[in-house]
Amino acid sequence: MKQPRHVPVRTCVMCGTRTAKRDLARVVLTPEGECVVDETGKRPGRGAYLCRRAECWERAASTNRLAHALRGEVRASDKERLAVAGAAFRAAFIGSPAGE
């Protein structure tokens, strides 16, 4: 009989939700000091995870909690980019059958 495969679990730095790593989005503070959403999960730099809820992305853009988790500075331009990503998640959720 096969052993069940290990599923990595991560925690959203905003709401504390623990879930499978693939269900969270990774945000990276690159060595150049830029804060970006890591689509591949393999970019170099300090990473933190956010769940797909728009509220968490909005909080990440408006507070310093993400900067604390990344152990660095998140610039205003990076926070604007995170707010746009949060709006995209909200639009995707509202447009999905589960969001109706």
N, C-alpha and C. Protein backbone atom coordinates (compact mmCIF):
# COMPACT_ATOMS: atom_id res chain seq x y z
N MET A 1 0.84 -1.17 0.00
CA MET A 1 0.00 0.00 0.00
C MET A 1 0.89 1.24 0.00
N LYS A 2 0.49 2.25 -0.78
CA LYS A 2 1.27 3.47 -0.90
C LYS A 2 1.09 4.36 0.32
N GLN A 3 2.18 5.04 0.67
CA GLN A 3 2.13 6.03 1.73
C GLN A 3 1.46 7.30 1.19
N PRO A 4 0.62 7.96 2.00
CA PRO A 4 0.06 9.22 1.52
C PRO A 4 1.17 10.26 1.34
N ARG A 5 1.05 11.05 0.30
CA ARG A 5 2.08 12.05 0.00
C ARG A 5 1.99 13.22 0.97
N HIS A 6 3.15 13.69 1.41
CA HIS A 6 3.22 14.82 2.33
C HIS A 6 2.79 16.09 1.61
N VAL A 7 1.91 16.86 2.23
CA VAL A 7 1.45 18.13 1.68
C VAL A 7 2.01 19.24 2.57
N PRO A 8 2.89 20.11 2.01
CA PRO A 8 3.43 21.20 2.82
C PRO A 8 2.33 22.17 3.25
N VAL A 9 2.39 22.62 4.48
CA VAL A 9 1.40 23.55 5.03
C VAL A 9 2.11 24.85 5.36
N ARG A 10 1.47 25.97 5.02
CA ARG A 10 1.99 27.29 5.32
C ARG A 10 0.90 28.12 5.98
N THR A 11 1.28 29.25 6.58
CA THR A 11 0.36 30.13 7.29
C THR A 11 0.31 31.49 6.62
N CYS A 12 -0.90 32.02 6.44
CA CYS A 12 -1.08 33.38 5.93
C CYS A 12 -0.58 34.35 7.00
N VAL A 13 0.29 35.28 6.62
CA VAL A 13 0.85 36.20 7.60
C VAL A 13 -0.15 37.26 8.04
N MET A 14 -1.27 37.39 7.36
CA MET A 14 -2.27 38.39 7.72
C MET A 14 -3.36 37.83 8.63
N CYS A 15 -3.96 36.71 8.25
CA CYS A 15 -5.09 36.19 9.03
C CYS A 15 -4.75 34.96 9.86
N GLY A 16 -3.59 34.34 9.60
CA GLY A 16 -3.18 33.18 10.37
C GLY A 16 -3.78 31.87 9.91
N THR A 17 -4.45 31.86 8.77
CA THR A 17 -5.04 30.63 8.24
C THR A 17 -3.93 29.67 7.81
N ARG A 18 -4.00 28.43 8.30
CA ARG A 18 -3.05 27.40 7.90
C ARG A 18 -3.70 26.52 6.84
N THR A 19 -3.02 26.40 5.71
CA THR A 19 -3.56 25.59 4.62
C THR A 19 -2.41 25.08 3.75
N ALA A 20 -2.75 24.30 2.75
CA ALA A 20 -1.74 23.75 1.85
C ALA A 20 -0.99 24.87 1.15
N LYS A 21 0.30 24.68 0.98
CA LYS A 21 1.16 25.69 0.37
C LYS A 21 0.65 26.13 -0.99
N ARG A 22 0.14 25.21 -1.79
CA ARG A 22 -0.31 25.55 -3.14
C ARG A 22 -1.56 26.42 -3.14
N ASP A 23 -2.27 26.49 -2.02
CA ASP A 23 -3.47 27.31 -1.93
C ASP A 23 -3.17 28.75 -1.51
N LEU A 24 -1.90 29.03 -1.19
CA LEU A 24 -1.49 30.36 -0.77
C LEU A 24 -0.63 30.99 -1.86
N ALA A 25 -0.53 32.31 -1.82
CA ALA A 25 0.34 33.04 -2.74
C ALA A 25 1.59 33.46 -1.99
N ARG A 26 2.73 33.31 -2.63
CA ARG A 26 4.01 33.67 -2.01
C ARG A 26 4.39 35.08 -2.45
N VAL A 27 4.73 35.89 -1.48
CA VAL A 27 5.23 37.24 -1.73
C VAL A 27 6.69 37.24 -1.32
N VAL A 28 7.55 37.80 -2.19
CA VAL A 28 8.99 37.74 -1.97
C VAL A 28 9.59 39.13 -1.90
N LEU A 29 10.50 39.32 -0.95
CA LEU A 29 11.33 40.51 -0.92
C LEU A 29 12.65 40.09 -1.57
N THR A 30 12.86 40.54 -2.80
CA THR A 30 14.02 40.11 -3.56
C THR A 30 15.31 40.71 -2.99
N PRO A 31 16.45 40.14 -3.36
CA PRO A 31 17.72 40.71 -2.91
C PRO A 31 17.91 42.18 -3.34
N GLU A 32 17.22 42.58 -4.40
CA GLU A 32 17.29 43.98 -4.87
C GLU A 32 16.39 44.90 -4.05
N GLY A 33 15.58 44.33 -3.14
CA GLY A 33 14.70 45.14 -2.28
C GLY A 33 13.31 45.36 -2.83
N GLU A 34 12.95 44.62 -3.88
CA GLU A 34 11.62 44.76 -4.49
C GLU A 34 10.69 43.69 -3.91
N CYS A 35 9.47 44.07 -3.61
CA CYS A 35 8.47 43.14 -3.09
C CYS A 35 7.55 42.73 -4.24
N VAL A 36 7.55 41.44 -4.59
CA VAL A 36 6.78 40.96 -5.73
C VAL A 36 6.02 39.70 -5.37
N VAL A 37 4.95 39.44 -6.12
CA VAL A 37 4.22 38.19 -5.98
C VAL A 37 4.98 37.13 -6.77
N ASP A 38 5.28 36.02 -6.12
CA ASP A 38 6.07 34.95 -6.73
C ASP A 38 5.12 33.87 -7.25
N GLU A 39 4.88 33.91 -8.55
CA GLU A 39 3.96 32.94 -9.17
C GLU A 39 4.54 31.52 -9.17
N THR A 40 5.86 31.40 -9.30
CA THR A 40 6.48 30.08 -9.40
C THR A 40 6.78 29.46 -8.05
N GLY A 41 6.94 30.29 -7.01
CA GLY A 41 7.31 29.79 -5.70
C GLY A 41 8.78 29.50 -5.57
N LYS A 42 9.59 29.94 -6.56
CA LYS A 42 11.01 29.61 -6.57
C LYS A 42 11.92 30.84 -6.66
N ARG A 43 11.36 32.03 -6.63
CA ARG A 43 12.20 33.24 -6.74
C ARG A 43 13.09 33.37 -5.51
N PRO A 44 14.30 33.86 -5.70
CA PRO A 44 15.20 34.05 -4.55
C PRO A 44 14.75 35.22 -3.69
N GLY A 45 14.99 35.12 -2.42
CA GLY A 45 14.65 36.18 -1.48
C GLY A 45 13.81 35.65 -0.34
N ARG A 46 13.54 36.53 0.60
CA ARG A 46 12.75 36.18 1.78
C ARG A 46 11.28 36.14 1.37
N GLY A 47 10.59 35.06 1.70
CA GLY A 47 9.20 34.90 1.30
C GLY A 47 8.24 34.87 2.46
N ALA A 48 7.01 35.24 2.17
CA ALA A 48 5.90 35.15 3.12
C ALA A 48 4.68 34.73 2.31
N TYR A 49 3.70 34.17 2.98
CA TYR A 49 2.53 33.65 2.29
C TYR A 49 1.28 34.42 2.67
N LEU A 50 0.42 34.64 1.67
CA LEU A 50 -0.88 35.28 1.87
C LEU A 50 -1.94 34.37 1.28
N CYS A 51 -3.07 34.28 1.99
CA CYS A 51 -4.17 33.49 1.43
C CYS A 51 -4.81 34.29 0.29
N ARG A 52 -5.72 33.72 -0.40
CA ARG A 52 -6.29 34.34 -1.60
C ARG A 52 -7.44 35.30 -1.28
N ARG A 53 -7.70 35.57 0.00
CA ARG A 53 -8.76 36.51 0.36
C ARG A 53 -8.30 37.94 0.10
N ALA A 54 -9.15 38.72 -0.53
CA ALA A 54 -8.81 40.10 -0.88
C ALA A 54 -8.53 40.93 0.37
N GLU A 55 -9.20 40.63 1.48
CA GLU A 55 -9.00 41.38 2.72
C GLU A 55 -7.55 41.27 3.20
N CYS A 56 -6.97 40.11 3.06
CA CYS A 56 -5.58 39.92 3.49
C CYS A 56 -4.63 40.74 2.61
N TRP A 57 -4.91 40.81 1.33
CA TRP A 57 -4.08 41.59 0.42
C TRP A 57 -4.22 43.07 0.70
N GLU A 58 -5.43 43.51 1.02
CA GLU A 58 -5.64 44.92 1.35
C GLU A 58 -4.91 45.28 2.65
N ARG A 59 -4.96 44.40 3.64
CA ARG A 59 -4.24 44.63 4.90
C ARG A 59 -2.74 44.63 4.67
N ALA A 60 -2.26 43.76 3.78
CA ALA A 60 -0.83 43.71 3.47
C ALA A 60 -0.38 45.02 2.84
N ALA A 61 -1.27 45.64 2.06
CA ALA A 61 -0.92 46.89 1.40
C ALA A 61 -1.03 48.09 2.34
N SER A 62 -1.78 47.96 3.43
CA SER A 62 -2.02 49.12 4.29
C SER A 62 -1.30 49.08 5.64
N THR A 63 -0.73 47.94 6.00
CA THR A 63 -0.04 47.84 7.29
C THR A 63 1.42 47.46 7.08
N ASN A 64 2.18 47.43 8.15
CA ASN A 64 3.59 47.04 8.08
C ASN A 64 3.81 45.58 8.47
N ARG A 65 2.76 44.83 8.61
CA ARG A 65 2.88 43.44 9.05
C ARG A 65 3.65 42.59 8.03
N LEU A 66 3.41 42.83 6.76
CA LEU A 66 4.12 42.07 5.72
C LEU A 66 5.61 42.41 5.75
N ALA A 67 5.95 43.68 5.93
CA ALA A 67 7.35 44.09 6.02
C ALA A 67 8.04 43.39 7.19
N HIS A 68 7.33 43.26 8.29
CA HIS A 68 7.89 42.57 9.45
C HIS A 68 8.15 41.10 9.12
N ALA A 69 7.19 40.45 8.44
CA ALA A 69 7.35 39.04 8.09
C ALA A 69 8.49 38.84 7.08
N LEU A 70 8.67 39.81 6.19
CA LEU A 70 9.72 39.71 5.19
C LEU A 70 11.07 40.20 5.70
N ARG A 71 11.06 40.78 6.90
CA ARG A 71 12.28 41.31 7.53
C ARG A 71 12.96 42.33 6.63
N GLY A 72 12.14 43.25 6.11
CA GLY A 72 12.68 44.29 5.25
C GLY A 72 11.64 45.37 5.02
N GLU A 73 11.98 46.31 4.18
CA GLU A 73 11.09 47.43 3.89
C GLU A 73 10.25 47.12 2.65
N VAL A 74 8.95 47.36 2.77
CA VAL A 74 8.05 47.25 1.63
C VAL A 74 7.70 48.68 1.22
N ARG A 75 8.17 49.07 0.04
CA ARG A 75 7.99 50.45 -0.44
C ARG A 75 6.54 50.71 -0.82
N ALA A 76 6.20 52.00 -0.92
CA ALA A 76 4.84 52.41 -1.28
C ALA A 76 4.44 51.86 -2.65
N SER A 77 5.36 51.85 -3.60
CA SER A 77 5.05 51.32 -4.94
C SER A 77 4.73 49.82 -4.87
N ASP A 78 5.44 49.11 -3.99
CA ASP A 78 5.18 47.67 -3.81
C ASP A 78 3.81 47.46 -3.16
N LYS A 79 3.46 48.33 -2.21
CA LYS A 79 2.15 48.21 -1.55
C LYS A 79 1.02 48.47 -2.55
N GLU A 80 1.23 49.40 -3.48
CA GLU A 80 0.22 49.65 -4.52
C GLU A 80 0.04 48.42 -5.39
N ARG A 81 1.15 47.77 -5.73
CA ARG A 81 1.09 46.55 -6.54
C ARG A 81 0.34 45.44 -5.79
N LEU A 82 0.54 45.34 -4.47
CA LEU A 82 -0.18 44.35 -3.67
C LEU A 82 -1.68 44.66 -3.62
N ALA A 83 -2.02 45.94 -3.54
CA ALA A 83 -3.44 46.33 -3.54
C ALA A 83 -4.10 45.94 -4.85
N VAL A 84 -3.39 46.11 -5.96
CA VAL A 84 -3.92 45.72 -7.28
C VAL A 84 -4.12 44.20 -7.33
N ALA A 85 -3.16 43.46 -6.79
CA ALA A 85 -3.28 41.99 -6.76
C ALA A 85 -4.48 41.58 -5.91
N GLY A 86 -4.71 42.27 -4.80
CA GLY A 86 -5.87 41.98 -3.95
C GLY A 86 -7.17 42.25 -4.68
N ALA A 87 -7.21 43.32 -5.45
CA ALA A 87 -8.41 43.63 -6.23
C ALA A 87 -8.65 42.56 -7.29
N ALA A 88 -7.58 42.03 -7.87
CA ALA A 88 -7.72 40.96 -8.87
C ALA A 88 -8.27 39.70 -8.22
N PHE A 89 -7.81 39.39 -7.00
CA PHE A 89 -8.34 38.22 -6.30
C PHE A 89 -9.83 38.40 -5.99
N ARG A 90 -10.20 39.61 -5.59
CA ARG A 90 -11.61 39.87 -5.28
C ARG A 90 -12.46 39.71 -6.55
N ALA A 91 -11.99 40.25 -7.69
CA ALA A 91 -12.73 40.13 -8.95
C ALA A 91 -12.86 38.66 -9.36
N ALA A 92 -11.80 37.90 -9.17
CA ALA A 92 -11.85 36.47 -9.51
C ALA A 92 -12.83 35.74 -8.61
N PHE A 93 -12.88 36.11 -7.33
CA PHE A 93 -13.78 35.45 -6.39
C PHE A 93 -15.23 35.79 -6.71
N ILE A 94 -15.51 37.06 -6.99
CA ILE A 94 -16.88 37.47 -7.30
C ILE A 94 -17.35 36.84 -8.59
N GLY A 95 -16.45 36.68 -9.55
CA GLY A 95 -16.83 36.09 -10.83
C GLY A 95 -16.95 34.58 -10.80
N SER A 96 -16.48 33.93 -9.76
CA SER A 96 -16.56 32.48 -9.69
C SER A 96 -17.92 32.03 -9.17
N PRO A 97 -18.35 30.81 -9.53
CA PRO A 97 -19.63 30.30 -9.05
C PRO A 97 -19.69 30.19 -7.53
N ALA A 98 -18.54 29.93 -6.87
CA ALA A 98 -18.53 29.80 -5.41
C ALA A 98 -18.72 31.16 -4.74
N GLY A 99 -18.36 32.24 -5.42
CA GLY A 99 -18.47 33.56 -4.84
C GLY A 99 -19.85 34.18 -4.95
N GLU A 100 -20.75 33.54 -5.67
CA GLU A 100 -22.09 34.09 -5.86
C GLU A 100 -23.04 33.67 -4.77
